[in-house]
Amino acid sequence: MKKNCKIGKNCTLLPGVVIGNKNLEDDGSWVIIGDNCYIGLGAKIFGQVTIGNNVIIGANSVVVKDIPDNCVVSGIPAKIIKKMA
């Protein structure tokens, strides 16, 4: 089994979080999650995505694009709803 995810320090993943690729076969893509992230209940992260540091992902959101540092994202697909200072 190949590892395809790197999760930073002090991250919280609530139940039902799915991290993976968009298809059944291993395409070699990686998901990179920064430090101090909070991933809400039932959130899904698909494809080759990089999530910055200090990011909050809302419950049931679907992340398919990179997320910069210090953001709150939510929705299907997830969009930035707030940038923190």
PDB file of N, CA and C in Angstrom:
ATOM      1  N   MET A   1       0.845  -1.178   0.000  1.00  0.00           N
ATOM      2  CA  MET A   1       0.000   0.000   0.000  1.00  0.00           C
ATOM      3  C   MET A   1       0.888   1.238   0.000  1.00  0.00           C
ATOM      4  N   LYS A   2       0.592   2.177  -0.887  1.00  0.00           N
ATOM      5  CA  LYS A   2       1.369   3.410  -0.970  1.00  0.00           C
ATOM      6  C   LYS A   2       0.777   4.467  -0.056  1.00  0.00           C
ATOM      7  N   LYS A   3       1.660   5.273   0.494  1.00  0.00           N
ATOM      8  CA  LYS A   3       1.221   6.410   1.287  1.00  0.00           C
ATOM      9  C   LYS A   3       1.034   7.583   0.341  1.00  0.00           C
ATOM     10  N   ASN A   4      -0.074   8.293   0.462  1.00  0.00           N
ATOM     11  CA  ASN A   4      -0.293   9.418  -0.440  1.00  0.00           C
ATOM     12  C   ASN A   4      -0.786  10.656   0.292  1.00  0.00           C
ATOM     13  N   CYS A   5      -0.460  10.755   1.585  1.00  0.00           N
ATOM     14  CA  CYS A   5      -0.912  11.903   2.361  1.00  0.00           C
ATOM     15  C   CYS A   5       0.142  12.265   3.399  1.00  0.00           C
ATOM     16  N   LYS A   6       0.367  13.573   3.545  1.00  0.00           N
ATOM     17  CA  LYS A   6       1.256  14.074   4.590  1.00  0.00           C
ATOM     18  C   LYS A   6       0.443  15.058   5.414  1.00  0.00           C
ATOM     19  N   ILE A   7       0.340  14.807   6.712  1.00  0.00           N
ATOM     20  CA  ILE A   7      -0.450  15.656   7.602  1.00  0.00           C
ATOM     21  C   ILE A   7       0.498  16.307   8.606  1.00  0.00           C
ATOM     22  N   GLY A   8       0.386  17.628   8.746  1.00  0.00           N
ATOM     23  CA  GLY A   8       1.264  18.388   9.629  1.00  0.00           C
ATOM     24  C   GLY A   8       0.947  18.202  11.104  1.00  0.00           C
ATOM     25  N   LYS A   9       1.600  19.009  11.930  1.00  0.00           N
ATOM     26  CA  LYS A   9       1.454  18.936  13.389  1.00  0.00           C
ATOM     27  C   LYS A   9       0.160  19.606  13.850  1.00  0.00           C
ATOM     28  N   ASN A  10      -0.353  19.131  14.972  1.00  0.00           N
ATOM     29  CA  ASN A  10      -1.496  19.743  15.661  1.00  0.00           C
ATOM     30  C   ASN A  10      -2.743  19.844  14.795  1.00  0.00           C
ATOM     31  N   CYS A  11      -3.018  18.838  13.989  1.00  0.00           N
ATOM     32  CA  CYS A  11      -4.211  18.848  13.142  1.00  0.00           C
ATOM     33  C   CYS A  11      -5.328  18.059  13.802  1.00  0.00           C
ATOM     34  N   THR A  12      -6.556  18.495  13.570  1.00  0.00           N
ATOM     35  CA  THR A  12      -7.736  17.806  14.070  1.00  0.00           C
ATOM     36  C   THR A  12      -8.563  17.342  12.890  1.00  0.00           C
ATOM     37  N   LEU A  13      -8.832  16.035  12.822  1.00  0.00           N
ATOM     38  CA  LEU A  13      -9.692  15.463  11.799  1.00  0.00           C
ATOM     39  C   LEU A  13     -10.871  14.829  12.507  1.00  0.00           C
ATOM     40  N   LEU A  14     -12.050  15.336  12.257  1.00  0.00           N
ATOM     41  CA  LEU A  14     -13.241  14.780  12.881  1.00  0.00           C
ATOM     42  C   LEU A  14     -13.688  13.524  12.133  1.00  0.00           C
ATOM     43  N   PRO A  15     -14.612  12.735  12.696  1.00  0.00           N
ATOM     44  CA  PRO A  15     -15.043  11.485  12.058  1.00  0.00           C
ATOM     45  C   PRO A  15     -15.615  11.700  10.658  1.00  0.00           C
ATOM     46  N   GLY A  16     -15.411  10.702   9.806  1.00  0.00           N
ATOM     47  CA  GLY A  16     -15.975  10.715   8.461  1.00  0.00           C
ATOM     48  C   GLY A  16     -15.158  11.455   7.430  1.00  0.00           C
ATOM     49  N   VAL A  17     -13.958  11.928   7.781  1.00  0.00           N
ATOM     50  CA  VAL A  17     -13.107  12.643   6.820  1.00  0.00           C
ATOM     51  C   VAL A  17     -12.530  11.633   5.829  1.00  0.00           C
ATOM     52  N   VAL A  18     -12.582  11.975   4.533  1.00  0.00           N
ATOM     53  CA  VAL A  18     -12.045  11.118   3.480  1.00  0.00           C
ATOM     54  C   VAL A  18     -10.933  11.892   2.773  1.00  0.00           C
ATOM     55  N   ILE A  19      -9.772  11.254   2.641  1.00  0.00           N
ATOM     56  CA  ILE A  19      -8.645  11.848   1.928  1.00  0.00           C
ATOM     57  C   ILE A  19      -8.200  10.837   0.883  1.00  0.00           C
ATOM     58  N   GLY A  20      -8.203  11.246  -0.382  1.00  0.00           N
ATOM     59  CA  GLY A  20      -7.801  10.294  -1.401  1.00  0.00           C
ATOM     60  C   GLY A  20      -7.788  10.871  -2.788  1.00  0.00           C
ATOM     61  N   ASN A  21      -7.625   9.967  -3.770  1.00  0.00           N
ATOM     62  CA  ASN A  21      -7.600  10.414  -5.148  1.00  0.00           C
ATOM     63  C   ASN A  21      -8.999  10.371  -5.747  1.00  0.00           C
ATOM     64  N   LYS A  22      -9.128  10.806  -6.986  1.00  0.00           N
ATOM     65  CA  LYS A  22     -10.441  10.932  -7.608  1.00  0.00           C
ATOM     66  C   LYS A  22     -10.908   9.667  -8.317  1.00  0.00           C
ATOM     67  N   ASN A  23     -10.043   8.654  -8.420  1.00  0.00           N
ATOM     68  CA  ASN A  23     -10.437   7.441  -9.107  1.00  0.00           C
ATOM     69  C   ASN A  23      -9.991   6.213  -8.330  1.00  0.00           C
ATOM     70  N   LEU A  24     -10.352   5.040  -8.823  1.00  0.00           N
ATOM     71  CA  LEU A  24     -10.062   3.814  -8.093  1.00  0.00           C
ATOM     72  C   LEU A  24      -8.595   3.425  -8.127  1.00  0.00           C
ATOM     73  N   GLU A  25      -7.892   3.767  -9.181  1.00  0.00           N
ATOM     74  CA  GLU A  25      -6.482   3.398  -9.303  1.00  0.00           C
ATOM     75  C   GLU A  25      -5.591   4.436  -8.640  1.00  0.00           C
ATOM     76  N   ASP A  26      -4.471   3.977  -8.101  1.00  0.00           N
ATOM     77  CA  ASP A  26      -3.502   4.888  -7.489  1.00  0.00           C
ATOM     78  C   ASP A  26      -2.809   5.676  -8.593  1.00  0.00           C
ATOM     79  N   ASP A  27      -3.044   6.984  -8.629  1.00  0.00           N
ATOM     80  CA  ASP A  27      -2.438   7.816  -9.673  1.00  0.00           C
ATOM     81  C   ASP A  27      -1.174   8.516  -9.197  1.00  0.00           C
ATOM     82  N   GLY A  28      -0.717   8.198  -7.993  1.00  0.00           N
ATOM     83  CA  GLY A  28       0.524   8.762  -7.480  1.00  0.00           C
ATOM     84  C   GLY A  28       0.391  10.170  -6.914  1.00  0.00           C
ATOM     85  N   SER A  29      -0.815  10.707  -6.876  1.00  0.00           N
ATOM     86  CA  SER A  29      -0.991  12.072  -6.372  1.00  0.00           C
ATOM     87  C   SER A  29      -0.917  12.093  -4.845  1.00  0.00           C
ATOM     88  N   TRP A  30      -0.472  13.224  -4.327  1.00  0.00           N
ATOM     89  CA  TRP A  30      -0.319  13.413  -2.892  1.00  0.00           C
ATOM     90  C   TRP A  30      -1.239  14.510  -2.392  1.00  0.00           C
ATOM     91  N   VAL A  31      -1.731  14.330  -1.172  1.00  0.00           N
ATOM     92  CA  VAL A  31      -2.437  15.387  -0.448  1.00  0.00           C
ATOM     93  C   VAL A  31      -1.493  15.831   0.663  1.00  0.00           C
ATOM     94  N   ILE A  32      -1.234  17.130   0.736  1.00  0.00           N
ATOM     95  CA  ILE A  32      -0.354  17.673   1.776  1.00  0.00           C
ATOM     96  C   ILE A  32      -1.174  18.641   2.616  1.00  0.00           C
ATOM     97  N   ILE A  33      -1.232  18.364   3.903  1.00  0.00           N
ATOM     98  CA  ILE A  33      -1.995  19.190   4.842  1.00  0.00           C
ATOM     99  C   ILE A  33      -1.009  19.833   5.800  1.00  0.00           C
ATOM    100  N   GLY A  34      -1.078  21.152   5.938  1.00  0.00           N
ATOM    101  CA  GLY A  34      -0.147  21.896   6.780  1.00  0.00           C
ATOM    102  C   GLY A  34      -0.409  21.713   8.271  1.00  0.00           C
ATOM    103  N   ASP A  35       0.283  22.517   9.068  1.00  0.00           N
ATOM    104  CA  ASP A  35       0.166  22.475  10.526  1.00  0.00           C
ATOM    105  C   ASP A  35      -1.075  23.228  11.000  1.00  0.00           C
ATOM    106  N   ASN A  36      -1.585  22.822  12.168  1.00  0.00           N
ATOM    107  CA  ASN A  36      -2.677  23.507  12.869  1.00  0.00           C
ATOM    108  C   ASN A  36      -3.953  23.604  12.026  1.00  0.00           C
ATOM    109  N   CYS A  37      -4.302  22.548  11.333  1.00  0.00           N
ATOM    110  CA  CYS A  37      -5.521  22.536  10.520  1.00  0.00           C
ATOM    111  C   CYS A  37      -6.643  21.835  11.266  1.00  0.00           C
ATOM    112  N   TYR A  38      -7.857  22.241  10.972  1.00  0.00           N
ATOM    113  CA  TYR A  38      -9.059  21.648  11.558  1.00  0.00           C
ATOM    114  C   TYR A  38      -9.951  21.223  10.406  1.00  0.00           C
ATOM    115  N   ILE A  39     -10.215  19.922  10.307  1.00  0.00           N
ATOM    116  CA  ILE A  39     -11.018  19.398   9.206  1.00  0.00           C
ATOM    117  C   ILE A  39     -12.315  18.865   9.787  1.00  0.00           C
ATOM    118  N   GLY A  40     -13.414  19.492   9.401  1.00  0.00           N
ATOM    119  CA  GLY A  40     -14.720  19.217   9.980  1.00  0.00           C
ATOM    120  C   GLY A  40     -15.308  17.870   9.609  1.00  0.00           C
ATOM    121  N   LEU A  41     -16.350  17.530  10.299  1.00  0.00           N
ATOM    122  CA  LEU A  41     -17.072  16.266  10.160  1.00  0.00           C
ATOM    123  C   LEU A  41     -17.457  15.990   8.709  1.00  0.00           C
ATOM    124  N   GLY A  42     -17.068  14.833   8.197  1.00  0.00           N
ATOM    125  CA  GLY A  42     -17.483  14.404   6.871  1.00  0.00           C
ATOM    126  C   GLY A  42     -16.849  15.130   5.700  1.00  0.00           C
ATOM    127  N   ALA A  43     -15.809  15.911   5.938  1.00  0.00           N
ATOM    128  CA  ALA A  43     -15.148  16.627   4.835  1.00  0.00           C
ATOM    129  C   ALA A  43     -14.425  15.633   3.934  1.00  0.00           C
ATOM    130  N   LYS A  44     -14.313  15.997   2.661  1.00  0.00           N
ATOM    131  CA  LYS A  44     -13.644  15.149   1.686  1.00  0.00           C
ATOM    132  C   LYS A  44     -12.582  15.950   0.952  1.00  0.00           C
ATOM    133  N   ILE A  45     -11.414  15.349   0.782  1.00  0.00           N
ATOM    134  CA  ILE A  45     -10.296  15.997   0.100  1.00  0.00           C
ATOM    135  C   ILE A  45      -9.862  15.064  -1.020  1.00  0.00           C
ATOM    136  N   PHE A  46     -10.040  15.504  -2.273  1.00  0.00           N
ATOM    137  CA  PHE A  46      -9.771  14.654  -3.431  1.00  0.00           C
ATOM    138  C   PHE A  46      -8.739  15.276  -4.350  1.00  0.00           C
ATOM    139  N   GLY A  47      -7.913  14.449  -4.964  1.00  0.00           N
ATOM    140  CA  GLY A  47      -6.947  14.897  -5.956  1.00  0.00           C
ATOM    141  C   GLY A  47      -5.644  15.343  -5.325  1.00  0.00           C
ATOM    142  N   GLN A  48      -4.777  15.885  -6.150  1.00  0.00           N
ATOM    143  CA  GLN A  48      -3.475  16.377  -5.688  1.00  0.00           C
ATOM    144  C   GLN A  48      -3.672  17.783  -5.154  1.00  0.00           C
ATOM    145  N   VAL A  49      -3.845  17.882  -3.836  1.00  0.00           N
ATOM    146  CA  VAL A  49      -4.207  19.134  -3.180  1.00  0.00           C
ATOM    147  C   VAL A  49      -3.185  19.456  -2.102  1.00  0.00           C
ATOM    148  N   THR A  50      -2.864  20.741  -1.965  1.00  0.00           N
ATOM    149  CA  THR A  50      -2.029  21.216  -0.861  1.00  0.00           C
ATOM    150  C   THR A  50      -2.864  22.171  -0.019  1.00  0.00           C
ATOM    151  N   ILE A  51      -2.955  21.872   1.259  1.00  0.00           N
ATOM    152  CA  ILE A  51      -3.705  22.707   2.201  1.00  0.00           C
ATOM    153  C   ILE A  51      -2.683  23.388   3.087  1.00  0.00           C
ATOM    154  N   GLY A  52      -2.766  24.703   3.177  1.00  0.00           N
ATOM    155  CA  GLY A  52      -1.799  25.486   3.938  1.00  0.00           C
ATOM    156  C   GLY A  52      -1.918  25.296   5.439  1.00  0.00           C
ATOM    157  N   ASN A  53      -1.144  26.083   6.178  1.00  0.00           N
ATOM    158  CA  ASN A  53      -1.171  26.075   7.643  1.00  0.00           C
ATOM    159  C   ASN A  53      -2.359  26.882   8.154  1.00  0.00           C
ATOM    160  N   ASN A  54      -2.855  26.520   9.333  1.00  0.00           N
ATOM    161  CA  ASN A  54      -3.922  27.262  10.014  1.00  0.00           C
ATOM    162  C   ASN A  54      -5.184  27.373   9.160  1.00  0.00           C
ATOM    163  N   VAL A  55      -5.609  26.263   8.590  1.00  0.00           N
ATOM    164  CA  VAL A  55      -6.798  26.228   7.731  1.00  0.00           C
ATOM    165  C   VAL A  55      -7.922  25.506   8.457  1.00  0.00           C
ATOM    166  N   ILE A  56      -9.136  26.023   8.311  1.00  0.00           N
ATOM    167  CA  ILE A  56     -10.337  25.378   8.842  1.00  0.00           C
ATOM    168  C   ILE A  56     -11.197  24.966   7.658  1.00  0.00           C
ATOM    169  N   ILE A  57     -11.534  23.686   7.598  1.00  0.00           N
ATOM    170  CA  ILE A  57     -12.394  23.165   6.534  1.00  0.00           C
ATOM    171  C   ILE A  57     -13.726  22.790   7.174  1.00  0.00           C
ATOM    172  N   GLY A  58     -14.803  23.388   6.692  1.00  0.00           N
ATOM    173  CA  GLY A  58     -16.132  23.171   7.258  1.00  0.00           C
ATOM    174  C   GLY A  58     -16.644  21.755   7.042  1.00  0.00           C
ATOM    175  N   ALA A  59     -17.619  21.378   7.871  1.00  0.00           N
ATOM    176  CA  ALA A  59     -18.220  20.052   7.795  1.00  0.00           C
ATOM    177  C   ALA A  59     -18.825  19.796   6.419  1.00  0.00           C
ATOM    178  N   ASN A  60     -18.658  18.578   5.929  1.00  0.00           N
ATOM    179  CA  ASN A  60     -19.206  18.105   4.653  1.00  0.00           C
ATOM    180  C   ASN A  60     -18.690  18.853   3.430  1.00  0.00           C
ATOM    181  N   SER A  61     -17.627  19.606   3.558  1.00  0.00           N
ATOM    182  CA  SER A  61     -17.041  20.314   2.414  1.00  0.00           C
ATOM    183  C   SER A  61     -16.280  19.334   1.532  1.00  0.00           C
ATOM    184  N   VAL A  62     -16.150  19.678   0.251  1.00  0.00           N
ATOM    185  CA  VAL A  62     -15.387  18.860  -0.694  1.00  0.00           C
ATOM    186  C   VAL A  62     -14.263  19.731  -1.256  1.00  0.00           C
ATOM    187  N   VAL A  63     -13.027  19.404  -0.898  1.00  0.00           N
ATOM    188  CA  VAL A  63     -11.858  20.169  -1.318  1.00  0.00           C
ATOM    189  C   VAL A  63     -11.240  19.509  -2.552  1.00  0.00           C
ATOM    190  N   VAL A  64     -11.135  20.261  -3.645  1.00  0.00           N
ATOM    191  CA  VAL A  64     -10.534  19.739  -4.874  1.00  0.00           C
ATOM    192  C   VAL A  64      -9.455  20.673  -5.424  1.00  0.00           C
ATOM    193  N   LYS A  65      -9.209  21.798  -4.733  1.00  0.00           N
ATOM    194  CA  LYS A  65      -8.178  22.758  -5.153  1.00  0.00           C
ATOM    195  C   LYS A  65      -7.323  23.122  -3.949  1.00  0.00           C
ATOM    196  N   ASP A  66      -6.127  23.648  -4.221  1.00  0.00           N
ATOM    197  CA  ASP A  66      -5.225  24.079  -3.157  1.00  0.00           C
ATOM    198  C   ASP A  66      -5.871  25.173  -2.312  1.00  0.00           C
ATOM    199  N   ILE A  67      -5.509  25.182  -1.023  1.00  0.00           N
ATOM    200  CA  ILE A  67      -6.008  26.194  -0.093  1.00  0.00           C
ATOM    201  C   ILE A  67      -4.801  26.894   0.523  1.00  0.00           C
ATOM    202  N   PRO A  68      -4.752  28.240   0.464  1.00  0.00           N
ATOM    203  CA  PRO A  68      -3.611  28.958   1.048  1.00  0.00           C
ATOM    204  C   PRO A  68      -3.672  28.966   2.577  1.00  0.00           C
ATOM    205  N   ASP A  69      -2.601  29.454   3.201  1.00  0.00           N
ATOM    206  CA  ASP A  69      -2.545  29.566   4.666  1.00  0.00           C
ATOM    207  C   ASP A  69      -3.638  30.483   5.198  1.00  0.00           C
ATOM    208  N   ASN A  70      -4.017  30.249   6.464  1.00  0.00           N
ATOM    209  CA  ASN A  70      -4.882  31.141   7.241  1.00  0.00           C
ATOM    210  C   ASN A  70      -6.232  31.403   6.596  1.00  0.00           C
ATOM    211  N   CYS A  71      -6.917  30.343   6.179  1.00  0.00           N
ATOM    212  CA  CYS A  71      -8.231  30.501   5.542  1.00  0.00           C
ATOM    213  C   CYS A  71      -9.268  29.599   6.190  1.00  0.00           C
ATOM    214  N   VAL A  72     -10.513  30.009   6.047  1.00  0.00           N
ATOM    215  CA  VAL A  72     -11.663  29.167   6.377  1.00  0.00           C
ATOM    216  C   VAL A  72     -12.346  28.856   5.063  1.00  0.00           C
ATOM    217  N   VAL A  73     -12.572  27.565   4.784  1.00  0.00           N
ATOM    218  CA  VAL A  73     -13.233  27.164   3.545  1.00  0.00           C
ATOM    219  C   VAL A  73     -14.454  26.312   3.870  1.00  0.00           C
ATOM    220  N   SER A  74     -15.413  26.351   2.960  1.00  0.00           N
ATOM    221  CA  SER A  74     -16.620  25.560   3.140  1.00  0.00           C
ATOM    222  C   SER A  74     -17.320  25.420   1.802  1.00  0.00           C
ATOM    223  N   GLY A  75     -18.145  24.408   1.669  1.00  0.00           N
ATOM    224  CA  GLY A  75     -18.986  24.239   0.495  1.00  0.00           C
ATOM    225  C   GLY A  75     -18.589  23.068  -0.374  1.00  0.00           C
ATOM    226  N   ILE A  76     -19.392  22.898  -1.441  1.00  0.00           N
ATOM    227  CA  ILE A  76     -19.171  21.836  -2.430  1.00  0.00           C
ATOM    228  C   ILE A  76     -19.181  22.489  -3.798  1.00  0.00           C
ATOM    229  N   PRO A  77     -18.047  22.697  -4.429  1.00  0.00           N
ATOM    230  CA  PRO A  77     -16.688  22.488  -3.912  1.00  0.00           C
ATOM    231  C   PRO A  77     -16.327  23.597  -2.909  1.00  0.00           C
ATOM    232  N   ALA A  78     -15.351  23.309  -2.077  1.00  0.00           N
ATOM    233  CA  ALA A  78     -14.955  24.253  -1.025  1.00  0.00           C
ATOM    234  C   ALA A  78     -14.404  25.545  -1.621  1.00  0.00           C
ATOM    235  N   LYS A  79     -14.865  26.648  -1.058  1.00  0.00           N
ATOM    236  CA  LYS A  79     -14.387  27.979  -1.454  1.00  0.00           C
ATOM    237  C   LYS A  79     -13.985  28.748  -0.195  1.00  0.00           C
ATOM    238  N   ILE A  80     -13.072  29.694  -0.387  1.00  0.00           N
ATOM    239  CA  ILE A  80     -12.625  30.512   0.755  1.00  0.00           C
ATOM    240  C   ILE A  80     -13.778  31.420   1.175  1.00  0.00           C
ATOM    241  N   ILE A  81     -14.142  31.327   2.462  1.00  0.00           N
ATOM    242  CA  ILE A  81     -15.191  32.210   2.972  1.00  0.00           C
ATOM    243  C   ILE A  81     -14.633  33.260   3.931  1.00  0.00           C
ATOM    244  N   LYS A  82     -13.387  33.044   4.375  1.00  0.00           N
ATOM    245  CA  LYS A  82     -12.770  34.029   5.264  1.00  0.00           C
ATOM    246  C   LYS A  82     -11.263  33.850   5.240  1.00  0.00           C
ATOM    247  N   LYS A  83     -10.540  34.955   5.209  1.00  0.00           N
ATOM    248  CA  LYS A  83      -9.086  34.937   5.361  1.00  0.00           C
ATOM    249  C   LYS A  83      -8.769  35.529   6.718  1.00  0.00           C
ATOM    250  N   MET A  84      -8.007  34.791   7.508  1.00  0.00           N
ATOM    251  CA  MET A  84      -7.650  35.249   8.851  1.00  0.00           C
ATOM    252  C   MET A  84      -6.319  35.984   8.805  1.00  0.00           C
ATOM    253  N   ALA A  85      -6.158  36.936   9.687  1.00  0.00           N
ATOM    254  CA  ALA A  85      -4.907  37.730   9.728  1.00  0.00           C
ATOM    255  C   ALA A  85      -3.789  36.948  10.337  1.00  0.00           C
TER     256      ALA A  85
END
